[in-house]
Full PDB file with SEQRES, HELIX, SHEET, SSBOND, CRYST1, ORIGX, SCALE, CONECT and MASTER records, all heavy atoms in Angstrom:
SEQRES   1 A   42  THR TYR THR SER GLN ILE PHE SER GLU GLN SER LEU GLU          
SEQRES   2 A   42  THR PRO LEU GLY ASP LEU PRO ARG LYS LYS PRO LEU CYS          
SEQRES   3 A   42  VAL THR PRO ASN THR SER ILE LYS GLU ALA LEU THR LEU          
SEQRES   4 A   42  MET HIS GLU                                                  
HELIX    1 AA1 THR A    3  GLN A    5  5                                   3    
HELIX    2 AA2 LEU A   16  ASP A   18  5                                   3    
HELIX    3 AA3 ILE A   33  HIS A   41  1                                   9    
CRYST1    1.000    1.000    1.000  90.00  90.00  90.00 P 1           1          
ORIGX1      1.000000  0.000000  0.000000        0.00000                         
ORIGX2      0.000000  1.000000  0.000000        0.00000                         
ORIGX3      0.000000  0.000000  1.000000        0.00000                         
SCALE1      1.000000  0.000000  0.000000        0.00000                         
SCALE2      0.000000  1.000000  0.000000        0.00000                         
SCALE3      0.000000  0.000000  1.000000        0.00000                         
ATOM      1  N   THR A   1       5.171  16.001  16.649  1.00  0.00           N  
ATOM      2  CA  THR A   1       6.406  16.757  16.834  1.00  0.00           C  
ATOM      3  C   THR A   1       7.550  15.852  17.269  1.00  0.00           C  
ATOM      4  O   THR A   1       8.693  16.044  16.884  1.00  0.00           O  
ATOM      5  CB  THR A   1       6.193  17.855  17.888  1.00  0.00           C  
ATOM      6  OG1 THR A   1       5.127  18.701  17.464  1.00  0.00           O  
ATOM      7  CG2 THR A   1       7.449  18.686  18.092  1.00  0.00           C  
ATOM      8  N   TYR A   2       7.226  14.836  18.072  1.00  0.00           N  
ATOM      9  CA  TYR A   2       8.268  13.984  18.631  1.00  0.00           C  
ATOM     10  C   TYR A   2       8.401  12.640  17.925  1.00  0.00           C  
ATOM     11  O   TYR A   2       9.424  11.968  18.069  1.00  0.00           O  
ATOM     12  CB  TYR A   2       7.991  13.726  20.116  1.00  0.00           C  
ATOM     13  CG  TYR A   2       8.119  14.971  20.962  1.00  0.00           C  
ATOM     14  CD1 TYR A   2       6.990  15.650  21.402  1.00  0.00           C  
ATOM     15  CD2 TYR A   2       9.364  15.479  21.302  1.00  0.00           C  
ATOM     16  CE1 TYR A   2       7.104  16.795  22.170  1.00  0.00           C  
ATOM     17  CE2 TYR A   2       9.491  16.631  22.063  1.00  0.00           C  
ATOM     18  CZ  TYR A   2       8.356  17.285  22.501  1.00  0.00           C  
ATOM     19  OH  TYR A   2       8.472  18.412  23.245  1.00  0.00           O  
ATOM     20  N   THR A   3       7.404  12.248  17.146  1.00  0.00           N  
ATOM     21  CA  THR A   3       7.432  10.920  16.548  1.00  0.00           C  
ATOM     22  C   THR A   3       8.637  10.726  15.642  1.00  0.00           C  
ATOM     23  O   THR A   3       9.233   9.650  15.590  1.00  0.00           O  
ATOM     24  CB  THR A   3       6.135  10.664  15.750  1.00  0.00           C  
ATOM     25  OG1 THR A   3       5.030  10.702  16.650  1.00  0.00           O  
ATOM     26  CG2 THR A   3       6.173   9.305  15.073  1.00  0.00           C  
ATOM     27  N   SER A   4       9.033  11.769  14.922  1.00  0.00           N  
ATOM     28  CA  SER A   4      10.160  11.646  14.005  1.00  0.00           C  
ATOM     29  C   SER A   4      11.471  11.425  14.739  1.00  0.00           C  
ATOM     30  O   SER A   4      12.467  11.057  14.126  1.00  0.00           O  
ATOM     31  CB  SER A   4      10.271  12.914  13.152  1.00  0.00           C  
ATOM     32  OG  SER A   4      10.494  14.034  13.974  1.00  0.00           O  
ATOM     33  N   GLN A   5      11.477  11.624  16.057  1.00  0.00           N  
ATOM     34  CA  GLN A   5      12.709  11.501  16.811  1.00  0.00           C  
ATOM     35  C   GLN A   5      12.881  10.111  17.428  1.00  0.00           C  
ATOM     36  O   GLN A   5      13.884   9.858  18.085  1.00  0.00           O  
ATOM     37  CB  GLN A   5      12.754  12.556  17.923  1.00  0.00           C  
ATOM     38  CG  GLN A   5      12.608  13.972  17.392  1.00  0.00           C  
ATOM     39  CD  GLN A   5      12.479  14.970  18.515  1.00  0.00           C  
ATOM     40  OE1 GLN A   5      13.020  14.795  19.593  1.00  0.00           O  
ATOM     41  NE2 GLN A   5      11.754  16.049  18.259  1.00  0.00           N  
ATOM     42  N   ILE A   6      11.912   9.229  17.283  1.00  0.00           N  
ATOM     43  CA  ILE A   6      11.993   7.923  17.919  1.00  0.00           C  
ATOM     44  C   ILE A   6      11.579   6.831  16.962  1.00  0.00           C  
ATOM     45  O   ILE A   6      11.006   7.069  15.905  1.00  0.00           O  
ATOM     46  CB  ILE A   6      11.092   7.848  19.177  1.00  0.00           C  
ATOM     47  CG1 ILE A   6       9.617   7.918  18.775  1.00  0.00           C  
ATOM     48  CG2 ILE A   6      11.417   8.929  20.155  1.00  0.00           C  
ATOM     49  CD1 ILE A   6       8.689   7.590  19.888  1.00  0.00           C  
ATOM     50  N   PHE A   7      11.877   5.603  17.306  1.00  0.00           N  
ATOM     51  CA  PHE A   7      11.407   4.443  16.579  1.00  0.00           C  
ATOM     52  C   PHE A   7      10.347   3.778  17.442  1.00  0.00           C  
ATOM     53  O   PHE A   7      10.631   3.374  18.555  1.00  0.00           O  
ATOM     54  CB  PHE A   7      12.553   3.439  16.328  1.00  0.00           C  
ATOM     55  CG  PHE A   7      13.651   3.971  15.475  1.00  0.00           C  
ATOM     56  CD1 PHE A   7      14.907   4.183  16.007  1.00  0.00           C  
ATOM     57  CD2 PHE A   7      13.427   4.287  14.149  1.00  0.00           C  
ATOM     58  CE1 PHE A   7      15.932   4.690  15.231  1.00  0.00           C  
ATOM     59  CE2 PHE A   7      14.432   4.787  13.366  1.00  0.00           C  
ATOM     60  CZ  PHE A   7      15.700   4.991  13.905  1.00  0.00           C  
ATOM     61  N   SER A   8       9.150   3.636  16.909  1.00  0.00           N  
ATOM     62  CA  SER A   8       8.071   3.044  17.684  1.00  0.00           C  
ATOM     63  C   SER A   8       7.028   2.435  16.775  1.00  0.00           C  
ATOM     64  O   SER A   8       6.606   3.053  15.832  1.00  0.00           O  
ATOM     65  CB  SER A   8       7.413   4.104  18.567  1.00  0.00           C  
ATOM     66  OG  SER A   8       6.293   3.583  19.213  1.00  0.00           O  
ATOM     67  N   GLU A   9       6.624   1.208  17.074  1.00  0.00           N  
ATOM     68  CA  GLU A   9       5.586   0.549  16.281  1.00  0.00           C  
ATOM     69  C   GLU A   9       4.233   0.618  16.963  1.00  0.00           C  
ATOM     70  O   GLU A   9       3.206   0.625  16.320  1.00  0.00           O  
ATOM     71  CB  GLU A   9       5.952  -0.929  16.071  1.00  0.00           C  
ATOM     72  CG  GLU A   9       7.089  -1.125  15.088  1.00  0.00           C  
ATOM     73  CD  GLU A   9       7.341  -2.597  14.837  1.00  0.00           C  
ATOM     74  OE1 GLU A   9       7.209  -3.381  15.792  1.00  0.00           O  
ATOM     75  OE2 GLU A   9       7.642  -2.954  13.706  1.00  0.00           O  
ATOM     76  N   GLN A  10       4.215   0.600  18.285  1.00  0.00           N  
ATOM     77  CA  GLN A  10       2.965   0.533  19.015  1.00  0.00           C  
ATOM     78  C   GLN A  10       2.855   1.709  19.975  1.00  0.00           C  
ATOM     79  O   GLN A  10       3.850   2.171  20.531  1.00  0.00           O  
ATOM     80  CB  GLN A  10       2.904  -0.767  19.839  1.00  0.00           C  
ATOM     81  CG  GLN A  10       2.906  -2.024  18.993  1.00  0.00           C  
ATOM     82  CD  GLN A  10       1.567  -2.277  18.332  1.00  0.00           C  
ATOM     83  OE1 GLN A  10       0.579  -1.613  18.645  1.00  0.00           O  
ATOM     84  NE2 GLN A  10       1.537  -3.233  17.433  1.00  0.00           N  
ATOM     85  N   SER A  11       1.669   2.209  20.161  1.00  0.00           N  
ATOM     86  CA  SER A  11       1.417   3.195  21.199  1.00  0.00           C  
ATOM     87  C   SER A  11       1.219   2.461  22.515  1.00  0.00           C  
ATOM     88  O   SER A  11       0.633   1.389  22.564  1.00  0.00           O  
ATOM     89  CB  SER A  11       0.155   4.001  20.863  1.00  0.00           C  
ATOM     90  OG  SER A  11      -0.291   4.692  22.005  1.00  0.00           O  
ATOM     91  N   LEU A  12       1.700   3.069  23.599  1.00  0.00           N  
ATOM     92  CA  LEU A  12       1.501   2.455  24.909  1.00  0.00           C  
ATOM     93  C   LEU A  12       0.055   2.555  25.370  1.00  0.00           C  
ATOM     94  O   LEU A  12      -0.302   2.002  26.397  1.00  0.00           O  
ATOM     95  CB  LEU A  12       2.429   3.110  25.933  1.00  0.00           C  
ATOM     96  CG  LEU A  12       3.921   2.793  25.756  1.00  0.00           C  
ATOM     97  CD1 LEU A  12       4.715   3.365  26.915  1.00  0.00           C  
ATOM     98  CD2 LEU A  12       4.172   1.316  25.617  1.00  0.00           C  
ATOM     99  N   GLU A  13      -0.787   3.247  24.610  1.00  0.00           N  
ATOM    100  CA  GLU A  13      -2.216   3.272  24.913  1.00  0.00           C  
ATOM    101  C   GLU A  13      -2.929   2.039  24.355  1.00  0.00           C  
ATOM    102  O   GLU A  13      -4.099   1.816  24.637  1.00  0.00           O  
ATOM    103  CB  GLU A  13      -2.853   4.529  24.300  1.00  0.00           C  
ATOM    104  CG  GLU A  13      -2.334   5.844  24.859  1.00  0.00           C  
ATOM    105  CD  GLU A  13      -2.747   6.042  26.296  1.00  0.00           C  
ATOM    106  OE1 GLU A  13      -3.940   6.010  26.573  1.00  0.00           O  
ATOM    107  OE2 GLU A  13      -1.857   6.187  27.131  1.00  0.00           O  
ATOM    108  N   THR A  14      -2.245   1.233  23.549  1.00  0.00           N  
ATOM    109  CA  THR A  14      -2.859   0.092  22.885  1.00  0.00           C  
ATOM    110  C   THR A  14      -3.325  -0.951  23.895  1.00  0.00           C  
ATOM    111  O   THR A  14      -2.552  -1.359  24.772  1.00  0.00           O  
ATOM    112  CB  THR A  14      -1.850  -0.567  21.919  1.00  0.00           C  
ATOM    113  OG1 THR A  14      -1.375   0.416  21.011  1.00  0.00           O  
ATOM    114  CG2 THR A  14      -2.502  -1.715  21.156  1.00  0.00           C  
ATOM    115  N   PRO A  15      -4.582  -1.425  23.793  1.00  0.00           N  
ATOM    116  CA  PRO A  15      -5.023  -2.532  24.654  1.00  0.00           C  
ATOM    117  C   PRO A  15      -4.185  -3.779  24.376  1.00  0.00           C  
ATOM    118  O   PRO A  15      -3.821  -4.051  23.233  1.00  0.00           O  
ATOM    119  CB  PRO A  15      -6.486  -2.739  24.246  1.00  0.00           C  
ATOM    120  CG  PRO A  15      -6.898  -1.445  23.603  1.00  0.00           C  
ATOM    121  CD  PRO A  15      -5.667  -0.912  22.939  1.00  0.00           C  
ATOM    122  N   LEU A  16      -3.890  -4.541  25.414  1.00  0.00           N  
ATOM    123  CA  LEU A  16      -3.063  -5.733  25.241  1.00  0.00           C  
ATOM    124  C   LEU A  16      -3.727  -6.748  24.316  1.00  0.00           C  
ATOM    125  O   LEU A  16      -3.054  -7.537  23.660  1.00  0.00           O  
ATOM    126  CB  LEU A  16      -2.772  -6.367  26.604  1.00  0.00           C  
ATOM    127  CG  LEU A  16      -1.964  -5.498  27.579  1.00  0.00           C  
ATOM    128  CD1 LEU A  16      -1.694  -6.264  28.870  1.00  0.00           C  
ATOM    129  CD2 LEU A  16      -0.666  -5.044  26.952  1.00  0.00           C  
ATOM    130  N   GLY A  17      -5.057  -6.704  24.253  1.00  0.00           N  
ATOM    131  CA  GLY A  17      -5.759  -7.619  23.367  1.00  0.00           C  
ATOM    132  C   GLY A  17      -5.512  -7.325  21.903  1.00  0.00           C  
ATOM    133  O   GLY A  17      -5.753  -8.189  21.042  1.00  0.00           O  
ATOM    134  N   ASP A  18      -5.024  -6.102  21.579  1.00  0.00           N  
ATOM    135  CA  ASP A  18      -4.767  -5.725  20.193  1.00  0.00           C  
ATOM    136  C   ASP A  18      -3.326  -6.001  19.762  1.00  0.00           C  
ATOM    137  O   ASP A  18      -2.994  -5.825  18.587  1.00  0.00           O  
ATOM    138  CB  ASP A  18      -5.064  -4.234  19.982  1.00  0.00           C  
ATOM    139  CG  ASP A  18      -6.544  -3.925  20.123  1.00  0.00           C  
ATOM    140  OD1 ASP A  18      -7.358  -4.864  20.115  1.00  0.00           O  
ATOM    141  OD2 ASP A  18      -6.877  -2.733  20.245  1.00  0.00           O  
ATOM    142  N   LEU A  19      -2.478  -6.409  20.693  1.00  0.00           N  
ATOM    143  CA  LEU A  19      -1.089  -6.685  20.340  1.00  0.00           C  
ATOM    144  C   LEU A  19      -0.968  -8.044  19.660  1.00  0.00           C  
ATOM    145  O   LEU A  19      -1.791  -8.936  19.890  1.00  0.00           O  
ATOM    146  CB  LEU A  19      -0.212  -6.671  21.601  1.00  0.00           C  
ATOM    147  CG  LEU A  19      -0.078  -5.335  22.338  1.00  0.00           C  
ATOM    148  CD1 LEU A  19       0.817  -5.499  23.555  1.00  0.00           C  
ATOM    149  CD2 LEU A  19       0.468  -4.255  21.423  1.00  0.00           C  
ATOM    150  N   PRO A  20       0.045  -8.235  18.816  1.00  0.00           N  
ATOM    151  CA  PRO A  20       0.271  -9.552  18.204  1.00  0.00           C  
ATOM    152  C   PRO A  20       0.414 -10.614  19.292  1.00  0.00           C  
ATOM    153  O   PRO A  20       1.068 -10.388  20.312  1.00  0.00           O  
ATOM    154  CB  PRO A  20       1.576  -9.358  17.422  1.00  0.00           C  
ATOM    155  CG  PRO A  20       1.674  -7.887  17.197  1.00  0.00           C  
ATOM    156  CD  PRO A  20       1.043  -7.238  18.372  1.00  0.00           C  
ATOM    157  N   ARG A  21      -0.209 -11.754  19.045  1.00  0.00           N  
ATOM    158  CA  ARG A  21      -0.188 -12.803  20.060  1.00  0.00           C  
ATOM    159  C   ARG A  21       0.744 -13.943  19.663  1.00  0.00           C  
ATOM    160  O   ARG A  21       0.874 -14.285  18.497  1.00  0.00           O  
ATOM    161  CB  ARG A  21      -1.600 -13.360  20.284  1.00  0.00           C  
ATOM    162  CG  ARG A  21      -2.589 -12.319  20.794  1.00  0.00           C  
ATOM    163  CD  ARG A  21      -3.930 -12.933  21.146  1.00  0.00           C  
ATOM    164  NE  ARG A  21      -4.885 -11.917  21.564  1.00  0.00           N  
ATOM    165  CZ  ARG A  21      -6.100 -12.173  22.034  1.00  0.00           C  
ATOM    166  NH1 ARG A  21      -6.508 -13.432  22.145  1.00  0.00           N  
ATOM    167  NH2 ARG A  21      -6.902 -11.187  22.383  1.00  0.00           N  
ATOM    168  N   LYS A  22       1.382 -14.517  20.674  1.00  0.00           N  
ATOM    169  CA  LYS A  22       2.149 -15.746  20.477  1.00  0.00           C  
ATOM    170  C   LYS A  22       1.658 -16.748  21.517  1.00  0.00           C  
ATOM    171  O   LYS A  22       1.466 -16.397  22.681  1.00  0.00           O  
ATOM    172  CB  LYS A  22       3.649 -15.479  20.626  1.00  0.00           C  
ATOM    173  CG  LYS A  22       4.057 -14.693  21.846  1.00  0.00           C  
ATOM    174  CD  LYS A  22       5.541 -14.414  21.811  1.00  0.00           C  
ATOM    175  CE  LYS A  22       5.997 -13.632  23.035  1.00  0.00           C  
ATOM    176  NZ  LYS A  22       5.541 -12.248  22.997  1.00  0.00           N  
ATOM    177  N   LYS A  23       1.454 -17.979  21.097  1.00  0.00           N  
ATOM    178  CA  LYS A  23       0.876 -18.986  21.982  1.00  0.00           C  
ATOM    179  C   LYS A  23       1.824 -19.241  23.150  1.00  0.00           C  
ATOM    180  O   LYS A  23       2.962 -19.642  22.965  1.00  0.00           O  
ATOM    181  CB  LYS A  23       0.623 -20.283  21.221  1.00  0.00           C  
ATOM    182  CG  LYS A  23      -0.111 -21.330  22.052  1.00  0.00           C  
ATOM    183  CD  LYS A  23      -0.483 -22.524  21.210  1.00  0.00           C  
ATOM    184  CE  LYS A  23      -1.164 -23.587  22.059  1.00  0.00           C  
ATOM    185  NZ  LYS A  23      -2.385 -23.074  22.697  1.00  0.00           N  
ATOM    186  N   PRO A  24       1.371 -19.015  24.386  1.00  0.00           N  
ATOM    187  CA  PRO A  24       2.249 -19.216  25.538  1.00  0.00           C  
ATOM    188  C   PRO A  24       2.579 -20.695  25.720  1.00  0.00           C  
ATOM    189  O   PRO A  24       1.751 -21.576  25.465  1.00  0.00           O  
ATOM    190  CB  PRO A  24       1.423 -18.695  26.716  1.00  0.00           C  
ATOM    191  CG  PRO A  24       0.318 -17.892  26.116  1.00  0.00           C  
ATOM    192  CD  PRO A  24       0.053 -18.493  24.782  1.00  0.00           C  
ATOM    193  N   LEU A  25       3.795 -20.975  26.147  1.00  0.00           N  
ATOM    194  CA  LEU A  25       4.210 -22.328  26.480  1.00  0.00           C  
ATOM    195  C   LEU A  25       3.805 -22.592  27.920  1.00  0.00           C  
ATOM    196  O   LEU A  25       4.163 -21.829  28.827  1.00  0.00           O  
ATOM    197  CB  LEU A  25       5.724 -22.461  26.318  1.00  0.00           C  
ATOM    198  CG  LEU A  25       6.339 -23.834  26.543  1.00  0.00           C  
ATOM    199  CD1 LEU A  25       5.748 -24.861  25.574  1.00  0.00           C  
ATOM    200  CD2 LEU A  25       7.848 -23.769  26.398  1.00  0.00           C  
ATOM    201  N   CYS A  26       3.050 -23.655  28.156  1.00  0.00           N  
ATOM    202  CA  CYS A  26       2.512 -23.920  29.488  1.00  0.00           C  
ATOM    203  C   CYS A  26       2.617 -25.408  29.809  1.00  0.00           C  
ATOM    204  O   CYS A  26       2.341 -26.257  28.940  1.00  0.00           O  
ATOM    205  CB  CYS A  26       1.059 -23.461  29.572  1.00  0.00           C  
ATOM    206  SG  CYS A  26       0.353 -23.515  31.237  1.00  0.00           S  
ATOM    207  N   VAL A  27       3.015 -25.721  31.043  1.00  0.00           N  
ATOM    208  CA  VAL A  27       3.096 -27.103  31.509  1.00  0.00           C  
ATOM    209  C   VAL A  27       2.406 -27.205  32.858  1.00  0.00           C  
ATOM    210  O   VAL A  27       2.108 -26.194  33.500  1.00  0.00           O  
ATOM    211  CB  VAL A  27       4.563 -27.563  31.629  1.00  0.00           C  
ATOM    212  CG1 VAL A  27       5.247 -27.566  30.271  1.00  0.00           C  
ATOM    213  CG2 VAL A  27       5.332 -26.680  32.622  1.00  0.00           C  
ATOM    214  N   THR A  28       2.165 -28.434  33.310  1.00  0.00           N  
ATOM    215  CA  THR A  28       1.532 -28.659  34.610  1.00  0.00           C  
ATOM    216  C   THR A  28       2.574 -28.567  35.716  1.00  0.00           C  
ATOM    217  O   THR A  28       3.785 -28.702  35.467  1.00  0.00           O  
ATOM    218  CB  THR A  28       0.857 -30.025  34.666  1.00  0.00           C  
ATOM    219  OG1 THR A  28       1.866 -31.036  34.529  1.00  0.00           O  
ATOM    220  CG2 THR A  28      -0.161 -30.171  33.535  1.00  0.00           C  
ATOM    221  N   PRO A  29       2.158 -28.379  36.954  1.00  0.00           N  
ATOM    222  CA  PRO A  29       3.109 -28.236  38.065  1.00  0.00           C  
ATOM    223  C   PRO A  29       4.008 -29.451  38.266  1.00  0.00           C  
ATOM    224  O   PRO A  29       5.127 -29.316  38.786  1.00  0.00           O  
ATOM    225  CB  PRO A  29       2.206 -28.005  39.275  1.00  0.00           C  
ATOM    226  CG  PRO A  29       0.942 -27.442  38.714  1.00  0.00           C  
ATOM    227  CD  PRO A  29       0.765 -28.102  37.396  1.00  0.00           C  
ATOM    228  N   ASN A  30       3.535 -30.642  37.864  1.00  0.00           N  
ATOM    229  CA  ASN A  30       4.326 -31.861  38.088  1.00  0.00           C  
ATOM    230  C   ASN A  30       5.234 -32.206  36.916  1.00  0.00           C  
ATOM    231  O   ASN A  30       5.943 -33.218  36.963  1.00  0.00           O  
ATOM    232  CB  ASN A  30       3.399 -33.037  38.399  1.00  0.00           C  
ATOM    233  CG  ASN A  30       2.731 -32.883  39.761  1.00  0.00           C  
ATOM    234  OD1 ASN A  30       3.370 -32.469  40.730  1.00  0.00           O  
ATOM    235  ND2 ASN A  30       1.439 -33.180  39.827  1.00  0.00           N  
ATOM    236  N   THR A  31       5.241 -31.398  35.886  1.00  0.00           N  
ATOM    237  CA  THR A  31       6.172 -31.606  34.773  1.00  0.00           C  
ATOM    238  C   THR A  31       7.594 -31.459  35.289  1.00  0.00           C  
ATOM    239  O   THR A  31       7.893 -30.573  36.083  1.00  0.00           O  
ATOM    240  CB  THR A  31       5.919 -30.579  33.659  1.00  0.00           C  
ATOM    241  OG1 THR A  31       4.565 -30.706  33.206  1.00  0.00           O  
ATOM    242  CG2 THR A  31       6.863 -30.797  32.492  1.00  0.00           C  
ATOM    243  N   SER A  32       8.473 -32.328  34.841  1.00  0.00           N  
ATOM    244  CA  SER A  32       9.859 -32.264  35.324  1.00  0.00           C  
ATOM    245  C   SER A  32      10.558 -31.012  34.815  1.00  0.00           C  
ATOM    246  O   SER A  32      10.211 -30.474  33.755  1.00  0.00           O  
ATOM    247  CB  SER A  32      10.640 -33.499  34.881  1.00  0.00           C  
ATOM    248  OG  SER A  32      10.873 -33.463  33.483  1.00  0.00           O  
ATOM    249  N   ILE A  33      11.544 -30.575  35.581  1.00  0.00           N  
ATOM    250  CA  ILE A  33      12.326 -29.409  35.174  1.00  0.00           C  
ATOM    251  C   ILE A  33      13.002 -29.684  33.832  1.00  0.00           C  
ATOM    252  O   ILE A  33      13.037 -28.815  32.947  1.00  0.00           O  
ATOM    253  CB  ILE A  33      13.382 -29.081  36.243  1.00  0.00           C  
ATOM    254  CG1 ILE A  33      12.706 -28.723  37.573  1.00  0.00           C  
ATOM    255  CG2 ILE A  33      14.282 -27.931  35.778  1.00  0.00           C  
ATOM    256  CD1 ILE A  33      13.679 -28.568  38.733  1.00  0.00           C  
ATOM    257  N   LYS A  34      13.510 -30.893  33.665  1.00  0.00           N  
ATOM    258  CA  LYS A  34      14.207 -31.256  32.427  1.00  0.00           C  
ATOM    259  C   LYS A  34      13.280 -31.134  31.229  1.00  0.00           C  
ATOM    260  O   LYS A  34      13.664 -30.567  30.186  1.00  0.00           O  
ATOM    261  CB  LYS A  34      14.745 -32.682  32.542  1.00  0.00           C  
ATOM    262  CG  LYS A  34      15.496 -33.150  31.301  1.00  0.00           C  
ATOM    263  CD  LYS A  34      16.044 -34.562  31.484  1.00  0.00           C  
ATOM    264  CE  LYS A  34      16.802 -35.017  30.233  1.00  0.00           C  
ATOM    265  NZ  LYS A  34      17.335 -36.391  30.408  1.00  0.00           N  
ATOM    266  N   GLU A  35      12.070 -31.660  31.348  1.00  0.00           N  
ATOM    267  CA  GLU A  35      11.119 -31.595  30.231  1.00  0.00           C  
ATOM    268  C   GLU A  35      10.754 -30.138  29.918  1.00  0.00           C  
ATOM    269  O   GLU A  35      10.660 -29.747  28.754  1.00  0.00           O  
ATOM    270  CB  GLU A  35       9.861 -32.395  30.563  1.00  0.00           C  
ATOM    271  CG  GLU A  35       8.852 -32.415  29.423  1.00  0.00           C  
ATOM    272  CD  GLU A  35       7.589 -33.210  29.775  1.00  0.00           C  
ATOM    273  OE1 GLU A  35       7.581 -33.882  30.835  1.00  0.00           O  
ATOM    274  OE2 GLU A  35       6.615 -33.139  28.986  1.00  0.00           O  
ATOM    275  N   ALA A  36      10.563 -29.330  30.967  1.00  0.00           N  
ATOM    276  CA  ALA A  36      10.214 -27.921  30.769  1.00  0.00           C  
ATOM    277  C   ALA A  36      11.341 -27.173  30.058  1.00  0.00           C  
ATOM    278  O   ALA A  36      11.101 -26.402  29.118  1.00  0.00           O  
ATOM    279  CB  ALA A  36       9.903 -27.266  32.109  1.00  0.00           C  
ATOM    280  N   LEU A  37      12.596 -27.424  30.477  1.00  0.00           N  
ATOM    281  CA  LEU A  37      13.727 -26.753  29.844  1.00  0.00           C  
ATOM    282  C   LEU A  37      13.890 -27.194  28.392  1.00  0.00           C  
ATOM    283  O   LEU A  37      14.261 -26.386  27.527  1.00  0.00           O  
ATOM    284  CB  LEU A  37      15.007 -27.029  30.626  1.00  0.00           C  
ATOM    285  CG  LEU A  37      15.055 -26.478  32.064  1.00  0.00           C  
ATOM    286  CD1 LEU A  37      16.398 -26.801  32.700  1.00  0.00           C  
ATOM    287  CD2 LEU A  37      14.809 -24.981  32.077  1.00  0.00           C  
ATOM    288  N   THR A  38      13.619 -28.465  28.150  1.00  0.00           N  
ATOM    289  CA  THR A  38      13.699 -28.964  26.772  1.00  0.00           C  
ATOM    290  C   THR A  38      12.685 -28.254  25.889  1.00  0.00           C  
ATOM    291  O   THR A  38      12.992 -27.850  24.756  1.00  0.00           O  
ATOM    292  CB  THR A  38      13.456 -30.485  26.742  1.00  0.00           C  
ATOM    293  OG1 THR A  38      14.439 -31.138  27.559  1.00  0.00           O  
ATOM    294  CG2 THR A  38      13.540 -31.019  25.313  1.00  0.00           C  
ATOM    295  N   LEU A  39      11.469 -28.092  26.387  1.00  0.00           N  
ATOM    296  CA  LEU A  39      10.422 -27.399  25.627  1.00  0.00           C  
ATOM    297  C   LEU A  39      10.819 -25.938  25.371  1.00  0.00           C  
ATOM    298  O   LEU A  39      10.617 -25.419  24.274  1.00  0.00           O  
ATOM    299  CB  LEU A  39       9.093 -27.451  26.386  1.00  0.00           C  
ATOM    300  CG  LEU A  39       8.404 -28.820  26.446  1.00  0.00           C  
ATOM    301  CD1 LEU A  39       7.223 -28.787  27.409  1.00  0.00           C  
ATOM    302  CD2 LEU A  39       7.940 -29.242  25.050  1.00  0.00           C  
ATOM    303  N   MET A  40      11.384 -25.287  26.369  1.00  0.00           N  
ATOM    304  CA  MET A  40      11.816 -23.897  26.190  1.00  0.00           C  
ATOM    305  C   MET A  40      12.904 -23.802  25.125  1.00  0.00           C  
ATOM    306  O   MET A  40      12.901 -22.877  24.292  1.00  0.00           O  
ATOM    307  CB  MET A  40      12.337 -23.326  27.519  1.00  0.00           C  
ATOM    308  CG  MET A  40      11.269 -23.102  28.577  1.00  0.00           C  
ATOM    309  SD  MET A  40      11.945 -22.554  30.184  1.00  0.00           S  
ATOM    310  CE  MET A  40      12.629 -20.956  29.748  1.00  0.00           C  
ATOM    311  N   HIS A  41      13.802 -24.758  25.137  1.00  0.00           N  
ATOM    312  CA  HIS A  41      14.887 -24.750  24.155  1.00  0.00           C  
ATOM    313  C   HIS A  41      14.345 -24.986  22.746  1.00  0.00           C  
ATOM    314  O   HIS A  41      14.738 -24.296  21.788  1.00  0.00           O  
ATOM    315  CB  HIS A  41      15.919 -25.827  24.518  1.00  0.00           C  
ATOM    316  CG  HIS A  41      17.034 -25.951  23.528  1.00  0.00           C  
ATOM    317  ND1 HIS A  41      18.003 -24.990  23.381  1.00  0.00           N  
ATOM    318  CD2 HIS A  41      17.319 -26.921  22.608  1.00  0.00           C  
ATOM    319  CE1 HIS A  41      18.850 -25.347  22.432  1.00  0.00           C  
ATOM    320  NE2 HIS A  41      18.454 -26.519  21.942  1.00  0.00           N  
ATOM    321  N   GLU A  42      13.409 -25.944  22.621  1.00  0.00           N  
ATOM    322  CA  GLU A  42      12.859 -26.266  21.308  1.00  0.00           C  
ATOM    323  C   GLU A  42      12.031 -25.115  20.751  1.00  0.00           C  
ATOM    324  O   GLU A  42      12.067 -24.841  19.542  1.00  0.00           O  
ATOM    325  CB  GLU A  42      12.003 -27.534  21.402  1.00  0.00           C  
ATOM    326  CG  GLU A  42      12.804 -28.795  21.680  1.00  0.00           C  
ATOM    327  CD  GLU A  42      11.917 -30.003  21.915  1.00  0.00           C  
ATOM    328  OE1 GLU A  42      10.680 -29.827  22.073  1.00  0.00           O  
ATOM    329  OE2 GLU A  42      12.450 -31.126  21.956  1.00  0.00           O  
TER     330      GLU A  42                                                      
MASTER        0    0    0    3    0    0    0    6  329    1    0    4          
END                                                                             
């Protein structure tokens, strides 16, 4: 009844493991701020 009134691709009941994945960007604690920001920009 309500679906036609909204735009939605995923149900909020969906397990997070079923959502499309993107590889997280991760660095070590001693990585410089400059290097981390450069990676985020790239």
